[in-house]
Protein backbone atom coordinates (compact mmCIF):
# COMPACT_ATOMS: atom_id res chain seq x y z
CA MET A 1 60.41 41.06 98.64
CA ASN A 2 62.82 39.08 96.49
CA VAL A 3 65.63 41.08 94.92
CA ARG A 4 68.33 39.34 92.97
CA LEU A 5 71.14 41.69 92.02
CA ARG A 6 74.83 41.20 91.58
CA CYS A 7 75.53 44.50 93.36
CA PRO A 8 75.04 44.18 97.18
CA GLY A 9 74.96 47.95 97.58
CA VAL A 10 71.98 48.33 95.23
CA ARG A 11 70.15 45.53 97.00
CA ARG A 12 70.60 47.19 100.42
CA ASP A 13 69.35 50.53 99.08
CA LEU A 14 66.22 48.93 97.58
CA GLU A 15 65.39 46.99 100.74
CA ALA A 16 65.86 50.08 102.90
CA GLY A 17 63.52 52.07 100.64
CA PHE A 18 60.86 49.34 100.79
CA ASN A 19 61.02 49.20 104.60
CA ARG A 20 60.35 52.95 104.75
CA ARG A 21 57.21 52.46 102.60
CA LYS A 22 55.68 49.56 104.54
CA ARG A 23 53.17 51.60 106.54
CA ASN A 24 51.93 53.65 103.63
CA TRP A 25 52.37 51.41 100.61
CA ILE A 26 52.49 52.98 97.15
CA GLU A 27 53.04 50.97 93.97
CA PRO A 28 56.71 51.60 93.09
CA ALA A 29 57.91 52.12 89.56
CA PRO A 30 60.14 49.36 88.15
CA VAL A 31 63.77 49.83 89.24
CA ARG A 32 66.65 48.84 86.97
CA SER A 33 70.16 48.19 88.22
CA THR A 34 73.04 49.69 86.33
CA CYS A 35 75.46 46.96 87.49
CA SER A 36 76.93 44.73 84.84
CA GLY A 37 74.58 41.93 83.87
CA ALA A 38 72.11 42.90 86.56
CA VAL A 39 69.19 44.41 84.65
CA ARG A 40 66.19 43.34 86.71
CA ALA A 41 62.70 44.87 87.05
CA ILE A 42 61.87 45.00 90.73
CA HIS A 43 58.20 44.51 91.68
CA SER A 44 56.79 44.31 95.14
CA SER A 45 53.38 43.34 96.57
CA PRO A 46 51.28 45.51 98.86
CA PRO A 47 50.95 44.60 102.51
CA LYS A 48 47.95 42.38 103.33
CA GLY A 49 46.28 45.21 105.25
CA SER A 50 46.20 47.38 102.12
CA ILE A 51 44.44 44.66 100.12
CA LEU A 52 41.79 44.23 102.84
CA MET A 53 41.21 47.99 102.96
CA ARG A 54 40.64 48.14 99.20
CA ALA A 55 38.16 45.23 99.41
CA ARG A 56 36.20 47.04 102.13
CA PHE A 57 35.91 50.20 100.02
CA VAL A 58 34.64 48.19 97.04
CA LEU A 59 32.02 46.44 99.21
CA LEU A 60 30.81 49.71 100.77
CA GLY A 61 30.52 51.29 97.33
CA ALA A 62 28.36 48.43 96.08
CA VAL A 63 26.05 48.69 99.10
CA ALA A 64 25.65 52.45 98.56
CA ILE A 65 24.66 51.98 94.91
CA VAL A 66 22.04 49.35 95.80
CA GLY A 67 20.63 51.66 98.52
CA LEU A 68 20.25 54.57 96.12
CA ALA A 69 18.56 52.38 93.54
CA GLY A 70 16.11 51.20 96.16
CA CYS A 71 15.21 54.76 97.14
CA GLY A 72 14.38 55.94 93.63
CA GLY A 73 10.80 56.77 92.67
CA SER A 74 9.52 57.29 96.12
CA ASP A 75 6.44 59.60 96.40
CA LYS A 76 5.79 61.25 99.79
CA GLY A 77 2.60 63.13 98.78
CA HIS A 78 -1.05 62.06 98.84
CA ALA A 79 -0.96 60.81 95.24
CA GLU A 80 -1.64 57.12 94.82
CA LYS A 81 -0.57 54.81 92.01
CA SER A 82 -2.97 55.22 89.12
CA GLU A 83 -4.18 51.61 89.24
CA ASP A 84 -4.93 51.90 92.99
CA VAL A 85 -6.95 55.14 93.12
CA ALA A 86 -10.35 54.46 94.66
CA VAL A 87 -12.82 55.95 97.11
CA LYS A 88 -14.91 54.25 99.76
CA VAL A 89 -17.26 55.01 102.65
CA SER A 90 -15.53 55.03 106.03
CA ARG A 91 -16.81 55.43 109.57
CA SER A 92 -15.86 58.65 111.36
CA GLU A 93 -16.89 60.77 114.33
CA LEU A 94 -19.08 62.64 111.84
CA GLY A 95 -20.75 59.47 110.63
CA PRO A 96 -20.16 57.67 107.30
CA ILE A 97 -18.02 59.85 104.99
CA ILE A 98 -16.19 59.56 101.69
CA THR A 99 -12.49 58.72 102.01
CA ASP A 100 -9.74 57.40 99.80
CA ARG A 101 -8.97 53.67 99.83
CA TYR A 102 -6.73 54.14 102.89
CA GLY A 103 -9.37 55.95 104.97
CA ARG A 104 -8.02 59.49 104.55
CA ALA A 105 -10.78 62.09 104.59
CA LEU A 106 -11.84 63.80 101.36
CA TYR A 107 -13.41 67.25 101.33
CA ALA A 108 -15.66 69.38 99.14
CA PHE A 109 -15.27 73.11 98.41
CA THR A 110 -18.51 75.09 98.55
CA LYS A 111 -17.32 77.46 95.80
CA ASP A 112 -17.23 74.60 93.28
CA ARG A 113 -20.31 74.34 91.12
CA ALA A 114 -21.82 71.47 89.12
CA GLY A 115 -18.77 69.24 89.49
CA THR A 116 -16.35 71.90 88.24
CA SER A 117 -13.33 72.77 90.40
CA VAL A 118 -12.35 76.40 90.95
CA CYS A 119 -9.52 75.53 93.38
CA GLU A 120 -6.19 76.52 91.80
CA ASP A 121 -2.72 77.84 92.70
CA GLU A 122 -2.44 78.49 96.47
CA CYS A 123 -5.75 76.76 97.05
CA ILE A 124 -4.64 73.50 95.45
CA ALA A 125 -1.38 73.61 97.45
CA THR A 126 -3.40 73.38 100.69
CA TRP A 127 -6.20 71.24 99.27
CA PRO A 128 -4.66 68.70 96.83
CA ALA A 129 -7.21 67.27 94.43
CA LEU A 130 -7.89 63.55 94.36
CA ALA A 131 -6.68 63.27 90.79
CA SER A 132 -5.28 60.50 88.65
CA LYS A 133 -4.38 59.62 85.07
CA THR A 134 -7.05 56.93 85.23
CA LYS A 135 -10.62 57.17 86.43
CA VAL A 136 -11.18 56.64 90.15
CA SER A 137 -12.83 53.35 91.10
CA PRO A 138 -15.72 52.85 93.55
CA GLY A 139 -14.91 51.01 96.76
CA GLN A 140 -16.92 49.72 99.71
CA GLY A 141 -20.22 51.54 100.32
CA ILE A 142 -19.93 53.87 97.32
CA ASP A 143 -23.04 54.69 95.28
CA LYS A 144 -21.70 54.21 91.75
CA SER A 145 -24.30 56.57 90.33
CA LEU A 146 -22.85 59.43 92.41
CA LEU A 147 -19.19 58.80 91.55
CA LYS A 148 -17.91 60.63 88.48
CA ASN A 149 -14.58 61.74 87.06
CA SER A 150 -14.14 65.27 85.76
CA GLN A 151 -11.28 66.28 83.49
CA ARG A 152 -8.98 68.55 85.48
CA SER A 153 -6.16 68.97 82.95
CA ALA A 154 -4.85 67.15 79.90
CA GLY A 155 -4.78 63.47 80.81
CA THR A 156 -5.81 63.99 84.46
CA PHE A 157 -9.14 63.16 86.07
CA GLN A 158 -10.46 64.43 89.40
CA ALA A 159 -12.96 62.31 91.32
CA THR A 160 -16.31 63.91 92.11
CA TYR A 161 -19.03 62.55 94.37
CA GLY A 162 -22.51 63.92 93.95
CA ASP A 163 -21.80 67.43 92.67
CA TRP A 164 -18.57 67.78 94.59
CA PRO A 165 -14.97 67.47 93.34
CA LEU A 166 -12.95 65.75 96.07
CA TYR A 167 -9.83 67.08 97.81
CA TYR A 168 -7.43 66.17 100.59
CA TYR A 169 -6.46 68.63 103.33
CA ALA A 170 -2.69 69.10 103.66
CA GLY A 171 -3.00 69.42 107.44
CA ASP A 172 -4.36 65.89 107.87
CA GLU A 173 -1.54 63.50 108.72
CA LYS A 174 -3.25 60.11 108.90
CA PRO A 175 -6.52 58.26 108.30
CA GLY A 176 -9.21 59.50 110.67
CA ASP A 177 -7.91 63.08 110.83
CA LEU A 178 -10.59 65.71 110.12
CA GLY A 179 -8.56 68.92 110.40
CA GLY A 180 -10.10 70.40 107.26
CA GLN A 181 -13.70 70.14 108.45
CA GLY A 182 -15.38 73.56 108.45
CA VAL A 183 -12.25 75.54 107.48
CA ASP A 184 -13.32 79.08 106.46
CA ASP A 185 -16.86 77.69 106.52
CA GLU A 186 -16.15 76.51 102.95
CA TRP A 187 -14.65 73.03 103.30
CA PHE A 188 -16.62 69.99 104.43
CA VAL A 189 -16.48 66.22 104.23
CA VAL A 190 -19.03 64.47 102.03
CA GLY A 191 -21.51 61.89 103.26
CA ALA A 192 -22.30 58.55 101.65
CA ASP A 193 -25.40 60.18 100.10
CA GLY A 194 -23.29 62.80 98.27
CA LYS A 195 -24.34 65.68 100.53
CA LEU A 196 -22.05 67.92 102.58
CA VAL A 197 -21.66 67.07 106.27
CA LYS A 198 -21.55 70.43 108.04
CA GLN A 199 -21.42 69.45 111.67
CA GLU A 200 -18.26 70.25 113.61
CA ALA A 201 -15.58 67.61 114.12
């Protein structure tokens, strides 16, 4: 700190005040001496540690913003991106069955008729429909003549295979799980031929 004043007493007071502020620096307001011919604005610089601390806070803030931006738009449900929705035939302990493109089992509901879904409300919460804003594409082993897309709601299509609208089971956690097979004797996986597979998993 450089203080040039013609009054020694004022200088000592200013230096003593600055020393008391060293550990917890706060930007001081300009100080003006009332001594004759000694009008000077006194400015001081923060300790180096304070500057480093401010730089660290700025860096951490930037990292946090980038992290939040990277997390946006994540979807934790079964829904796939519209351009990626497809079904295929996969091997399972029940034989060849219809799955999504990742190998997750798809089920049929015996109360559905002629490709029309009657699963709504609480039912659809447990058995999410394989639905998309674009029509579902056929993958490996699929008989294209059996794959259709029924309109579920405005702008949404549900995949059907044979006469059966296709659903996931919320209790299945990964490809290969067959926890929905035979539930209430109404839910079954669908074979490559479009018929229900009713054997137990």
